[in-house]
Full PDB file with SEQRES, HELIX, SHEET, SSBOND, CRYST1, ORIGX, SCALE, CONECT and MASTER records, all heavy atoms in Angstrom:
SEQRES   1 A   40  ASP GLU TYR VAL LYS CYS ILE LYS GLU GLN ASN ARG ASP          
SEQRES   2 A   40  ARG LEU MET GLU LEU LEU THR ASN ALA ARG VAL GLU GLU          
SEQRES   3 A   40  GLN LEU LEU LYS ARG LEU LYS ALA LYS ALA ILE ILE TYR          
SEQRES   4 A   40  GLY                                                          
HELIX    1 AA1 GLU A    2  GLU A    9  1                                   8    
HELIX    2 AA2 ARG A   12  LEU A   19  1                                   8    
HELIX    3 AA3 ALA A   22  TYR A   39  1                                  18    
CRYST1    1.000    1.000    1.000  90.00  90.00  90.00 P 1           1          
ORIGX1      1.000000  0.000000  0.000000        0.00000                         
ORIGX2      0.000000  1.000000  0.000000        0.00000                         
ORIGX3      0.000000  0.000000  1.000000        0.00000                         
SCALE1      1.000000  0.000000  0.000000        0.00000                         
SCALE2      0.000000  1.000000  0.000000        0.00000                         
SCALE3      0.000000  0.000000  1.000000        0.00000                         
ATOM      1  N   ASP A   1     113.123 290.619 -50.187  1.00  0.00           N  
ATOM      2  CA  ASP A   1     113.650 289.883 -49.029  1.00  0.00           C  
ATOM      3  C   ASP A   1     115.003 289.250 -49.336  1.00  0.00           C  
ATOM      4  O   ASP A   1     115.892 289.214 -48.471  1.00  0.00           O  
ATOM      5  CB  ASP A   1     112.660 288.805 -48.596  1.00  0.00           C  
ATOM      6  CG  ASP A   1     111.400 289.400 -47.963  1.00  0.00           C  
ATOM      7  OD1 ASP A   1     111.429 290.592 -47.605  1.00  0.00           O  
ATOM      8  OD2 ASP A   1     110.390 288.669 -47.852  1.00  0.00           O  
ATOM      9  N   GLU A   2     115.151 288.764 -50.558  1.00  0.00           N  
ATOM     10  CA  GLU A   2     116.427 288.155 -50.947  1.00  0.00           C  
ATOM     11  C   GLU A   2     117.541 289.203 -50.978  1.00  0.00           C  
ATOM     12  O   GLU A   2     118.669 288.944 -50.538  1.00  0.00           O  
ATOM     13  CB  GLU A   2     116.290 287.489 -52.318  1.00  0.00           C  
ATOM     14  CG  GLU A   2     117.556 286.820 -52.832  1.00  0.00           C  
ATOM     15  CD  GLU A   2     117.937 285.561 -52.071  1.00  0.00           C  
ATOM     16  OE1 GLU A   2     117.108 285.087 -51.262  1.00  0.00           O  
ATOM     17  OE2 GLU A   2     119.054 285.061 -52.276  1.00  0.00           O  
ATOM     18  N   TYR A   3     117.213 290.380 -51.488  1.00  0.00           N  
ATOM     19  CA  TYR A   3     118.212 291.457 -51.498  1.00  0.00           C  
ATOM     20  C   TYR A   3     118.596 291.854 -50.074  1.00  0.00           C  
ATOM     21  O   TYR A   3     119.779 292.050 -49.767  1.00  0.00           O  
ATOM     22  CB  TYR A   3     117.683 292.673 -52.262  1.00  0.00           C  
ATOM     23  CG  TYR A   3     117.875 292.576 -53.760  1.00  0.00           C  
ATOM     24  CD1 TYR A   3     116.801 292.393 -54.623  1.00  0.00           C  
ATOM     25  CD2 TYR A   3     119.150 292.670 -54.323  1.00  0.00           C  
ATOM     26  CE1 TYR A   3     116.976 292.301 -55.985  1.00  0.00           C  
ATOM     27  CE2 TYR A   3     119.350 292.578 -55.692  1.00  0.00           C  
ATOM     28  CZ  TYR A   3     118.250 292.396 -56.516  1.00  0.00           C  
ATOM     29  OH  TYR A   3     118.444 292.300 -57.873  1.00  0.00           O  
ATOM     30  N   VAL A   4     117.620 291.991 -49.208  1.00  0.00           N  
ATOM     31  CA  VAL A   4     117.901 292.364 -47.823  1.00  0.00           C  
ATOM     32  C   VAL A   4     118.820 291.328 -47.167  1.00  0.00           C  
ATOM     33  O   VAL A   4     119.784 291.675 -46.467  1.00  0.00           O  
ATOM     34  CB  VAL A   4     116.594 292.515 -47.020  1.00  0.00           C  
ATOM     35  CG1 VAL A   4     116.888 292.657 -45.530  1.00  0.00           C  
ATOM     36  CG2 VAL A   4     115.791 293.714 -47.520  1.00  0.00           C  
ATOM     37  N   LYS A   5     118.525 290.055 -47.397  1.00  0.00           N  
ATOM     38  CA  LYS A   5     119.346 288.971 -46.837  1.00  0.00           C  
ATOM     39  C   LYS A   5     120.800 289.090 -47.321  1.00  0.00           C  
ATOM     40  O   LYS A   5     121.746 288.991 -46.529  1.00  0.00           O  
ATOM     41  CB  LYS A   5     118.753 287.623 -47.245  1.00  0.00           C  
ATOM     42  CG  LYS A   5     119.520 286.409 -46.740  1.00  0.00           C  
ATOM     43  CD  LYS A   5     118.779 285.125 -47.126  1.00  0.00           C  
ATOM     44  CE  LYS A   5     119.502 283.873 -46.617  1.00  0.00           C  
ATOM     45  NZ  LYS A   5     120.782 283.666 -47.316  1.00  0.00           N  
ATOM     46  N   CYS A   6     120.972 289.297 -48.627  1.00  0.00           N  
ATOM     47  CA  CYS A   6     122.318 289.391 -49.195  1.00  0.00           C  
ATOM     48  C   CYS A   6     123.062 290.615 -48.667  1.00  0.00           C  
ATOM     49  O   CYS A   6     124.275 290.566 -48.419  1.00  0.00           O  
ATOM     50  CB  CYS A   6     122.252 289.443 -50.711  1.00  0.00           C  
ATOM     51  SG  CYS A   6     121.700 287.912 -51.478  1.00  0.00           S  
ATOM     52  N   ILE A   7     122.337 291.714 -48.521  1.00  0.00           N  
ATOM     53  CA  ILE A   7     122.966 292.940 -48.019  1.00  0.00           C  
ATOM     54  C   ILE A   7     123.431 292.742 -46.581  1.00  0.00           C  
ATOM     55  O   ILE A   7     124.554 293.122 -46.222  1.00  0.00           O  
ATOM     56  CB  ILE A   7     121.984 294.124 -48.128  1.00  0.00           C  
ATOM     57  CG1 ILE A   7     121.707 294.444 -49.607  1.00  0.00           C  
ATOM     58  CG2 ILE A   7     122.547 295.357 -47.422  1.00  0.00           C  
ATOM     59  CD1 ILE A   7     120.546 295.385 -49.819  1.00  0.00           C  
ATOM     60  N   LYS A   8     122.598 292.151 -45.769  1.00  0.00           N  
ATOM     61  CA  LYS A   8     122.970 291.920 -44.368  1.00  0.00           C  
ATOM     62  C   LYS A   8     124.161 290.978 -44.266  1.00  0.00           C  
ATOM     63  O   LYS A   8     124.990 291.104 -43.355  1.00  0.00           O  
ATOM     64  CB  LYS A   8     121.777 291.377 -43.596  1.00  0.00           C  
ATOM     65  CG  LYS A   8     120.688 292.417 -43.364  1.00  0.00           C  
ATOM     66  CD  LYS A   8     119.532 291.852 -42.554  1.00  0.00           C  
ATOM     67  CE  LYS A   8     118.498 292.922 -42.239  1.00  0.00           C  
ATOM     68  NZ  LYS A   8     117.346 292.390 -41.466  1.00  0.00           N  
ATOM     69  N   GLU A   9     124.256 290.040 -45.216  1.00  0.00           N  
ATOM     70  CA  GLU A   9     125.387 289.100 -45.226  1.00  0.00           C  
ATOM     71  C   GLU A   9     126.591 289.672 -45.966  1.00  0.00           C  
ATOM     72  O   GLU A   9     127.649 289.033 -45.997  1.00  0.00           O  
ATOM     73  CB  GLU A   9     124.957 287.784 -45.887  1.00  0.00           C  
ATOM     74  CG  GLU A   9     123.879 287.017 -45.120  1.00  0.00           C  
ATOM     75  CD  GLU A   9     123.385 285.795 -45.883  1.00  0.00           C  
ATOM     76  OE1 GLU A   9     123.757 285.649 -47.071  1.00  0.00           O  
ATOM     77  OE2 GLU A   9     122.635 284.999 -45.299  1.00  0.00           O  
ATOM     78  N   GLN A  10     126.417 290.851 -46.582  1.00  0.00           N  
ATOM     79  CA  GLN A  10     127.464 291.474 -47.410  1.00  0.00           C  
ATOM     80  C   GLN A  10     127.949 290.500 -48.495  1.00  0.00           C  
ATOM     81  O   GLN A  10     129.155 290.401 -48.780  1.00  0.00           O  
ATOM     82  CB  GLN A  10     128.633 291.946 -46.549  1.00  0.00           C  
ATOM     83  CG  GLN A  10     128.262 293.049 -45.567  1.00  0.00           C  
ATOM     84  CD  GLN A  10     128.028 294.389 -46.256  1.00  0.00           C  
ATOM     85  OE1 GLN A  10     128.974 295.085 -46.619  1.00  0.00           O  
ATOM     86  NE2 GLN A  10     126.755 294.760 -46.444  1.00  0.00           N  
ATOM     87  N   ASN A  11     126.987 289.819 -49.106  1.00  0.00           N  
ATOM     88  CA  ASN A  11     127.279 288.803 -50.108  1.00  0.00           C  
ATOM     89  C   ASN A  11     127.270 289.433 -51.497  1.00  0.00           C  
ATOM     90  O   ASN A  11     126.254 289.463 -52.196  1.00  0.00           O  
ATOM     91  CB  ASN A  11     126.241 287.679 -50.016  1.00  0.00           C  
ATOM     92  CG  ASN A  11     126.622 286.471 -50.859  1.00  0.00           C  
ATOM     93  OD1 ASN A  11     127.404 286.577 -51.808  1.00  0.00           O  
ATOM     94  ND2 ASN A  11     126.089 285.314 -50.496  1.00  0.00           N  
ATOM     95  N   ARG A  12     128.417 289.922 -51.916  1.00  0.00           N  
ATOM     96  CA  ARG A  12     128.520 290.611 -53.203  1.00  0.00           C  
ATOM     97  C   ARG A  12     128.280 289.664 -54.379  1.00  0.00           C  
ATOM     98  O   ARG A  12     127.664 290.049 -55.378  1.00  0.00           O  
ATOM     99  CB  ARG A  12     129.896 291.273 -53.343  1.00  0.00           C  
ATOM    100  CG  ARG A  12     130.113 292.436 -52.398  1.00  0.00           C  
ATOM    101  CD  ARG A  12     131.538 292.969 -52.481  1.00  0.00           C  
ATOM    102  NE  ARG A  12     131.750 294.100 -51.593  1.00  0.00           N  
ATOM    103  CZ  ARG A  12     131.564 295.372 -51.923  1.00  0.00           C  
ATOM    104  NH1 ARG A  12     131.190 295.666 -53.166  1.00  0.00           N  
ATOM    105  NH2 ARG A  12     131.772 296.334 -51.054  1.00  0.00           N  
ATOM    106  N   ASP A  13     128.780 288.455 -54.284  1.00  0.00           N  
ATOM    107  CA  ASP A  13     128.626 287.506 -55.393  1.00  0.00           C  
ATOM    108  C   ASP A  13     127.158 287.191 -55.650  1.00  0.00           C  
ATOM    109  O   ASP A  13     126.709 287.144 -56.806  1.00  0.00           O  
ATOM    110  CB  ASP A  13     129.391 286.213 -55.096  1.00  0.00           C  
ATOM    111  CG  ASP A  13     130.892 286.414 -55.103  1.00  0.00           C  
ATOM    112  OD1 ASP A  13     131.355 287.411 -55.692  1.00  0.00           O  
ATOM    113  OD2 ASP A  13     131.604 285.575 -54.510  1.00  0.00           O  
ATOM    114  N   ARG A  14     126.406 286.983 -54.595  1.00  0.00           N  
ATOM    115  CA  ARG A  14     124.982 286.678 -54.762  1.00  0.00           C  
ATOM    116  C   ARG A  14     124.221 287.898 -55.276  1.00  0.00           C  
ATOM    117  O   ARG A  14     123.313 287.767 -56.102  1.00  0.00           O  
ATOM    118  CB  ARG A  14     124.394 286.208 -53.426  1.00  0.00           C  
ATOM    119  CG  ARG A  14     122.901 285.895 -53.470  1.00  0.00           C  
ATOM    120  CD  ARG A  14     122.557 284.868 -54.522  1.00  0.00           C  
ATOM    121  NE  ARG A  14     121.114 284.625 -54.579  1.00  0.00           N  
ATOM    122  CZ  ARG A  14     120.468 284.232 -55.664  1.00  0.00           C  
ATOM    123  NH1 ARG A  14     121.135 284.028 -56.805  1.00  0.00           N  
ATOM    124  NH2 ARG A  14     119.167 284.027 -55.609  1.00  0.00           N  
ATOM    125  N   LEU A  15     124.601 289.073 -54.814  1.00  0.00           N  
ATOM    126  CA  LEU A  15     123.976 290.296 -55.334  1.00  0.00           C  
ATOM    127  C   LEU A  15     124.225 290.423 -56.833  1.00  0.00           C  
ATOM    128  O   LEU A  15     123.319 290.782 -57.593  1.00  0.00           O  
ATOM    129  CB  LEU A  15     124.520 291.532 -54.612  1.00  0.00           C  
ATOM    130  CG  LEU A  15     123.987 291.802 -53.208  1.00  0.00           C  
ATOM    131  CD1 LEU A  15     124.738 292.954 -52.568  1.00  0.00           C  
ATOM    132  CD2 LEU A  15     122.488 292.094 -53.247  1.00  0.00           C  
ATOM    133  N   MET A  16     125.432 290.122 -57.261  1.00  0.00           N  
ATOM    134  CA  MET A  16     125.746 290.183 -58.685  1.00  0.00           C  
ATOM    135  C   MET A  16     124.884 289.200 -59.470  1.00  0.00           C  
ATOM    136  O   MET A  16     124.398 289.508 -60.570  1.00  0.00           O  
ATOM    137  CB  MET A  16     127.236 289.898 -58.907  1.00  0.00           C  
ATOM    138  CG  MET A  16     127.686 290.035 -60.355  1.00  0.00           C  
ATOM    139  SD  MET A  16     127.544 291.711 -60.996  1.00  0.00           S  
ATOM    140  CE  MET A  16     128.964 292.496 -60.207  1.00  0.00           C  
ATOM    141  N   GLU A  17     124.668 288.010 -58.918  1.00  0.00           N  
ATOM    142  CA  GLU A  17     123.808 287.022 -59.574  1.00  0.00           C  
ATOM    143  C   GLU A  17     122.377 287.533 -59.698  1.00  0.00           C  
ATOM    144  O   GLU A  17     121.731 287.386 -60.746  1.00  0.00           O  
ATOM    145  CB  GLU A  17     123.820 285.711 -58.782  1.00  0.00           C  
ATOM    146  CG  GLU A  17     125.130 284.950 -58.833  1.00  0.00           C  
ATOM    147  CD  GLU A  17     125.086 283.696 -57.973  1.00  0.00           C  
ATOM    148  OE1 GLU A  17     123.987 283.349 -57.490  1.00  0.00           O  
ATOM    149  OE2 GLU A  17     126.139 283.062 -57.775  1.00  0.00           O  
ATOM    150  N   LEU A  18     121.872 288.120 -58.644  1.00  0.00           N  
ATOM    151  CA  LEU A  18     120.500 288.633 -58.655  1.00  0.00           C  
ATOM    152  C   LEU A  18     120.338 289.766 -59.663  1.00  0.00           C  
ATOM    153  O   LEU A  18     119.291 289.893 -60.309  1.00  0.00           O  
ATOM    154  CB  LEU A  18     120.118 289.134 -57.258  1.00  0.00           C  
ATOM    155  CG  LEU A  18     119.891 288.074 -56.177  1.00  0.00           C  
ATOM    156  CD1 LEU A  18     119.740 288.735 -54.809  1.00  0.00           C  
ATOM    157  CD2 LEU A  18     118.648 287.242 -56.498  1.00  0.00           C  
ATOM    158  N   LEU A  19     121.361 290.581 -59.807  1.00  0.00           N  
ATOM    159  CA  LEU A  19     121.284 291.743 -60.688  1.00  0.00           C  
ATOM    160  C   LEU A  19     121.473 291.389 -62.155  1.00  0.00           C  
ATOM    161  O   LEU A  19     121.046 292.144 -63.039  1.00  0.00           O  
ATOM    162  CB  LEU A  19     122.349 292.776 -60.284  1.00  0.00           C  
ATOM    163  CG  LEU A  19     122.138 293.470 -58.940  1.00  0.00           C  
ATOM    164  CD1 LEU A  19     123.414 294.166 -58.500  1.00  0.00           C  
ATOM    165  CD2 LEU A  19     120.993 294.472 -59.025  1.00  0.00           C  
ATOM    166  N   THR A  20     122.108 290.274 -62.437  1.00  0.00           N  
ATOM    167  CA  THR A  20     122.464 289.920 -63.813  1.00  0.00           C  
ATOM    168  C   THR A  20     121.305 289.251 -64.534  1.00  0.00           C  
ATOM    169  O   THR A  20     120.700 288.308 -64.030  1.00  0.00           O  
ATOM    170  CB  THR A  20     123.688 288.983 -63.819  1.00  0.00           C  
ATOM    171  OG1 THR A  20     124.798 289.653 -63.208  1.00  0.00           O  
ATOM    172  CG2 THR A  20     124.048 288.588 -65.246  1.00  0.00           C  
ATOM    173  N   ASN A  21     121.004 289.768 -65.715  1.00  0.00           N  
ATOM    174  CA  ASN A  21     120.004 289.174 -66.604  1.00  0.00           C  
ATOM    175  C   ASN A  21     120.666 288.983 -67.955  1.00  0.00           C  
ATOM    176  O   ASN A  21     120.744 289.916 -68.766  1.00  0.00           O  
ATOM    177  CB  ASN A  21     118.773 290.074 -66.704  1.00  0.00           C  
ATOM    178  CG  ASN A  21     117.627 289.414 -67.468  1.00  0.00           C  
ATOM    179  OD1 ASN A  21     117.847 288.677 -68.423  1.00  0.00           O  
ATOM    180  ND2 ASN A  21     116.400 289.685 -67.051  1.00  0.00           N  
ATOM    181  N   ALA A  22     121.180 287.787 -68.204  1.00  0.00           N  
ATOM    182  CA  ALA A  22     121.964 287.517 -69.410  1.00  0.00           C  
ATOM    183  C   ALA A  22     121.160 287.767 -70.679  1.00  0.00           C  
ATOM    184  O   ALA A  22     121.693 288.265 -71.679  1.00  0.00           O  
ATOM    185  CB  ALA A  22     122.474 286.080 -69.386  1.00  0.00           C  
ATOM    186  N   ARG A  23     119.870 287.449 -70.655  1.00  0.00           N  
ATOM    187  CA  ARG A  23     119.032 287.637 -71.845  1.00  0.00           C  
ATOM    188  C   ARG A  23     118.909 289.117 -72.194  1.00  0.00           C  
ATOM    189  O   ARG A  23     119.042 289.503 -73.362  1.00  0.00           O  
ATOM    190  CB  ARG A  23     117.654 287.034 -71.616  1.00  0.00           C  
ATOM    191  CG  ARG A  23     116.712 287.159 -72.819  1.00  0.00           C  
ATOM    192  CD  ARG A  23     115.352 286.580 -72.508  1.00  0.00           C  
ATOM    193  NE  ARG A  23     114.716 287.284 -71.408  1.00  0.00           N  
ATOM    194  CZ  ARG A  23     114.036 288.429 -71.570  1.00  0.00           C  
ATOM    195  NH1 ARG A  23     113.931 288.991 -72.765  1.00  0.00           N  
ATOM    196  NH2 ARG A  23     113.478 289.023 -70.534  1.00  0.00           N  
ATOM    197  N   VAL A  24     118.686 289.946 -71.188  1.00  0.00           N  
ATOM    198  CA  VAL A  24     118.577 291.389 -71.418  1.00  0.00           C  
ATOM    199  C   VAL A  24     119.901 291.958 -71.917  1.00  0.00           C  
ATOM    200  O   VAL A  24     119.933 292.802 -72.830  1.00  0.00           O  
ATOM    201  CB  VAL A  24     118.131 292.102 -70.125  1.00  0.00           C  
ATOM    202  CG1 VAL A  24     118.252 293.620 -70.271  1.00  0.00           C  
ATOM    203  CG2 VAL A  24     116.700 291.725 -69.775  1.00  0.00           C  
ATOM    204  N   GLU A  25     121.011 291.490 -71.362  1.00  0.00           N  
ATOM    205  CA  GLU A  25     122.323 291.967 -71.797  1.00  0.00           C  
ATOM    206  C   GLU A  25     122.593 291.586 -73.246  1.00  0.00           C  
ATOM    207  O   GLU A  25     123.135 292.383 -74.027  1.00  0.00           O  
ATOM    208  CB  GLU A  25     123.412 291.415 -70.878  1.00  0.00           C  
ATOM    209  CG  GLU A  25     123.362 291.988 -69.472  1.00  0.00           C  
ATOM    210  CD  GLU A  25     124.421 291.396 -68.559  1.00  0.00           C  
ATOM    211  OE1 GLU A  25     125.324 290.688 -69.075  1.00  0.00           O  
ATOM    212  OE2 GLU A  25     124.352 291.633 -67.339  1.00  0.00           O  
ATOM    213  N   GLU A  26     122.208 290.373 -73.630  1.00  0.00           N  
ATOM    214  CA  GLU A  26     122.391 289.936 -75.013  1.00  0.00           C  
ATOM    215  C   GLU A  26     121.553 290.785 -75.967  1.00  0.00           C  
ATOM    216  O   GLU A  26     122.030 291.197 -77.033  1.00  0.00           O  
ATOM    217  CB  GLU A  26     122.001 288.464 -75.152  1.00  0.00           C  
ATOM    218  CG  GLU A  26     122.213 287.913 -76.559  1.00  0.00           C  
ATOM    219  CD  GLU A  26     121.808 286.452 -76.675  1.00  0.00           C  
ATOM    220  OE1 GLU A  26     121.349 285.878 -75.664  1.00  0.00           O  
ATOM    221  OE2 GLU A  26     121.955 285.891 -77.780  1.00  0.00           O  
ATOM    222  N   GLN A  27     120.324 291.078 -75.592  1.00  0.00           N  
ATOM    223  CA  GLN A  27     119.461 291.922 -76.418  1.00  0.00           C  
ATOM    224  C   GLN A  27     120.042 293.329 -76.541  1.00  0.00           C  
ATOM    225  O   GLN A  27     120.006 293.937 -77.617  1.00  0.00           O  
ATOM    226  CB  GLN A  27     118.058 291.992 -75.813  1.00  0.00           C  
ATOM    227  CG  GLN A  27     117.274 290.686 -75.909  1.00  0.00           C  
ATOM    228  CD  GLN A  27     115.928 290.770 -75.195  1.00  0.00           C  
ATOM    229  OE1 GLN A  27     115.715 291.630 -74.329  1.00  0.00           O  
ATOM    230  NE2 GLN A  27     115.018 289.872 -75.537  1.00  0.00           N  
ATOM    231  N   LEU A  28     120.579 293.838 -75.448  1.00  0.00           N  
ATOM    232  CA  LEU A  28     121.190 295.166 -75.466  1.00  0.00           C  
ATOM    233  C   LEU A  28     122.330 295.223 -76.473  1.00  0.00           C  
ATOM    234  O   LEU A  28     122.424 296.166 -77.273  1.00  0.00           O  
ATOM    235  CB  LEU A  28     121.690 295.508 -74.066  1.00  0.00           C  
ATOM    236  CG  LEU A  28     122.306 296.885 -73.799  1.00  0.00           C  
ATOM    237  CD1 LEU A  28     122.261 297.198 -72.311  1.00  0.00           C  
ATOM    238  CD2 LEU A  28     123.753 296.981 -74.268  1.00  0.00           C  
ATOM    239  N   LEU A  29     123.208 294.226 -76.453  1.00  0.00           N  
ATOM    240  CA  LEU A  29     124.366 294.233 -77.344  1.00  0.00           C  
ATOM    241  C   LEU A  29     123.956 294.102 -78.807  1.00  0.00           C  
ATOM    242  O   LEU A  29     124.553 294.745 -79.688  1.00  0.00           O  
ATOM    243  CB  LEU A  29     125.329 293.111 -76.948  1.00  0.00           C  
ATOM    244  CG  LEU A  29     125.975 293.255 -75.563  1.00  0.00           C  
ATOM    245  CD1 LEU A  29     126.823 292.037 -75.239  1.00  0.00           C  
ATOM    246  CD2 LEU A  29     126.813 294.533 -75.480  1.00  0.00           C  
ATOM    247  N   LYS A  30     122.938 293.317 -79.078  1.00  0.00           N  
ATOM    248  CA  LYS A  30     122.443 293.208 -80.452  1.00  0.00           C  
ATOM    249  C   LYS A  30     121.851 294.523 -80.925  1.00  0.00           C  
ATOM    250  O   LYS A  30     122.080 294.960 -82.058  1.00  0.00           O  
ATOM    251  CB  LYS A  30     121.395 292.090 -80.544  1.00  0.00           C  
ATOM    252  CG  LYS A  30     121.962 290.683 -80.442  1.00  0.00           C  
ATOM    253  CD  LYS A  30     120.865 289.636 -80.568  1.00  0.00           C  
ATOM    254  CE  LYS A  30     121.437 288.224 -80.517  1.00  0.00           C  
ATOM    255  NZ  LYS A  30     120.362 287.196 -80.605  1.00  0.00           N  
ATOM    256  N   ARG A  31     121.065 295.153 -80.053  1.00  0.00           N  
ATOM    257  CA  ARG A  31     120.450 296.441 -80.396  1.00  0.00           C  
ATOM    258  C   ARG A  31     121.534 297.494 -80.613  1.00  0.00           C  
ATOM    259  O   ARG A  31     121.468 298.312 -81.539  1.00  0.00           O  
ATOM    260  CB  ARG A  31     119.513 296.862 -79.278  1.00  0.00           C  
ATOM    261  CG  ARG A  31     118.803 298.200 -79.520  1.00  0.00           C  
ATOM    262  CD  ARG A  31     117.828 298.530 -78.422  1.00  0.00           C  
ATOM    263  NE  ARG A  31     118.475 298.754 -77.141  1.00  0.00           N  
ATOM    264  CZ  ARG A  31     118.332 297.978 -76.074  1.00  0.00           C  
ATOM    265  NH1 ARG A  31     117.584 296.899 -76.123  1.00  0.00           N  
ATOM    266  NH2 ARG A  31     118.952 298.268 -74.944  1.00  0.00           N  
ATOM    267  N   LEU A  32     122.552 297.466 -79.764  1.00  0.00           N  
ATOM    268  CA  LEU A  32     123.629 298.436 -79.856  1.00  0.00           C  
ATOM    269  C   LEU A  32     124.397 298.288 -81.175  1.00  0.00           C  
ATOM    270  O   LEU A  32     124.744 299.289 -81.821  1.00  0.00           O  
ATOM    271  CB  LEU A  32     124.577 298.246 -78.673  1.00  0.00           C  
ATOM    272  CG  LEU A  32     125.504 299.392 -78.346  1.00  0.00           C  
ATOM    273  CD1 LEU A  32     124.724 300.556 -77.759  1.00  0.00           C  
ATOM    274  CD2 LEU A  32     126.579 298.940 -77.362  1.00  0.00           C  
ATOM    275  N   LYS A  33     124.630 297.050 -81.580  1.00  0.00           N  
ATOM    276  CA  LYS A  33     125.343 296.825 -82.836  1.00  0.00           C  
ATOM    277  C   LYS A  33     124.542 297.355 -84.013  1.00  0.00           C  
ATOM    278  O   LYS A  33     125.087 298.035 -84.903  1.00  0.00           O  
ATOM    279  CB  LYS A  33     125.630 295.335 -83.028  1.00  0.00           C  
ATOM    280  CG  LYS A  33     126.386 295.026 -84.321  1.00  0.00           C  
ATOM    281  CD  LYS A  33     126.744 293.547 -84.423  1.00  0.00           C  
ATOM    282  CE  LYS A  33     127.533 293.261 -85.693  1.00  0.00           C  
ATOM    283  NZ  LYS A  33     127.915 291.831 -85.804  1.00  0.00           N  
ATOM    284  N   ALA A  34     123.247 297.076 -84.027  1.00  0.00           N  
ATOM    285  CA  ALA A  34     122.394 297.563 -85.120  1.00  0.00           C  
ATOM    286  C   ALA A  34     122.397 299.086 -85.161  1.00  0.00           C  
ATOM    287  O   ALA A  34     122.501 299.694 -86.234  1.00  0.00           O  
ATOM    288  CB  ALA A  34     120.973 297.034 -84.953  1.00  0.00           C  
ATOM    289  N   LYS A  35     122.286 299.715 -84.001  1.00  0.00           N  
ATOM    290  CA  LYS A  35     122.289 301.179 -83.953  1.00  0.00           C  
ATOM    291  C   LYS A  35     123.622 301.742 -84.446  1.00  0.00           C  
ATOM    292  O   LYS A  35     123.647 302.709 -85.215  1.00  0.00           O  
ATOM    293  CB  LYS A  35     122.041 301.657 -82.519  1.00  0.00           C  
ATOM    294  CG  LYS A  35     120.613 301.542 -82.035  1.00  0.00           C  
ATOM    295  CD  LYS A  35     120.513 302.099 -80.628  1.00  0.00           C  
ATOM    296  CE  LYS A  35     119.097 302.080 -80.098  1.00  0.00           C  
ATOM    297  NZ  LYS A  35     119.003 302.679 -78.750  1.00  0.00           N  
ATOM    298  N   ALA A  36     124.729 301.158 -83.967  1.00  0.00           N  
ATOM    299  CA  ALA A  36     126.043 301.670 -84.339  1.00  0.00           C  
ATOM    300  C   ALA A  36     126.273 301.540 -85.840  1.00  0.00           C  
ATOM    301  O   ALA A  36     126.910 302.404 -86.456  1.00  0.00           O  
ATOM    302  CB  ALA A  36     127.136 300.933 -83.565  1.00  0.00           C  
ATOM    303  N   ILE A  37     125.753 300.472 -86.442  1.00  0.00           N  
ATOM    304  CA  ILE A  37     125.887 300.291 -87.886  1.00  0.00           C  
ATOM    305  C   ILE A  37     125.040 301.324 -88.627  1.00  0.00           C  
ATOM    306  O   ILE A  37     125.511 301.996 -89.553  1.00  0.00           O  
ATOM    307  CB  ILE A  37     125.490 298.859 -88.297  1.00  0.00           C  
ATOM    308  CG1 ILE A  37     126.499 297.845 -87.745  1.00  0.00           C  
ATOM    309  CG2 ILE A  37     125.403 298.741 -89.814  1.00  0.00           C  
ATOM    310  CD1 ILE A  37     126.102 296.401 -87.971  1.00  0.00           C  
ATOM    311  N   ILE A  38     123.791 301.454 -88.227  1.00  0.00           N  
ATOM    312  CA  ILE A  38     122.882 302.363 -88.937  1.00  0.00           C  
ATOM    313  C   ILE A  38     123.301 303.816 -88.746  1.00  0.00           C  
ATOM    314  O   ILE A  38     123.424 304.576 -89.713  1.00  0.00           O  
ATOM    315  CB  ILE A  38     121.436 302.153 -88.451  1.00  0.00           C  
ATOM    316  CG1 ILE A  38     120.952 300.758 -88.846  1.00  0.00           C  
ATOM    317  CG2 ILE A  38     120.508 303.211 -89.046  1.00  0.00           C  
ATOM    318  CD1 ILE A  38     119.613 300.376 -88.256  1.00  0.00           C  
ATOM    319  N   TYR A  39     123.530 304.230 -87.504  1.00  0.00           N  
ATOM    320  CA  TYR A  39     123.889 305.623 -87.248  1.00  0.00           C  
ATOM    321  C   TYR A  39     125.243 305.977 -87.855  1.00  0.00           C  
ATOM    322  O   TYR A  39     125.488 307.147 -88.171  1.00  0.00           O  
ATOM    323  CB  TYR A  39     123.940 305.903 -85.744  1.00  0.00           C  
ATOM    324  CG  TYR A  39     122.647 305.701 -85.004  1.00  0.00           C  
ATOM    325  CD1 TYR A  39     122.632 305.604 -83.612  1.00  0.00           C  
ATOM    326  CD2 TYR A  39     121.428 305.597 -85.668  1.00  0.00           C  
ATOM    327  CE1 TYR A  39     121.450 305.419 -82.910  1.00  0.00           C  
ATOM    328  CE2 TYR A  39     120.247 305.399 -84.979  1.00  0.00           C  
ATOM    329  CZ  TYR A  39     120.263 305.301 -83.602  1.00  0.00           C  
ATOM    330  OH  TYR A  39     119.100 305.115 -82.915  1.00  0.00           O  
ATOM    331  N   GLY A  40     126.109 304.969 -87.996  1.00  0.00           N  
ATOM    332  CA  GLY A  40     127.453 305.238 -88.490  1.00  0.00           C  
ATOM    333  C   GLY A  40     127.582 305.274 -89.988  1.00  0.00           C  
ATOM    334  O   GLY A  40     128.664 305.549 -90.508  1.00  0.00           O  
TER     335      GLY A  40                                                      
MASTER        0    0    0    3    0    0    0    6  334    1    0    4          
END                                                                             
């Protein structure tokens, strides 16, 4: 329902907030660094 509301309002900033998960992004970057070191 929140996504539908934002889409109808064309609220890009709020959509970006809903889509962003800082914790997951931080975990991704840590995992990526470990992989790049090991594979390299």
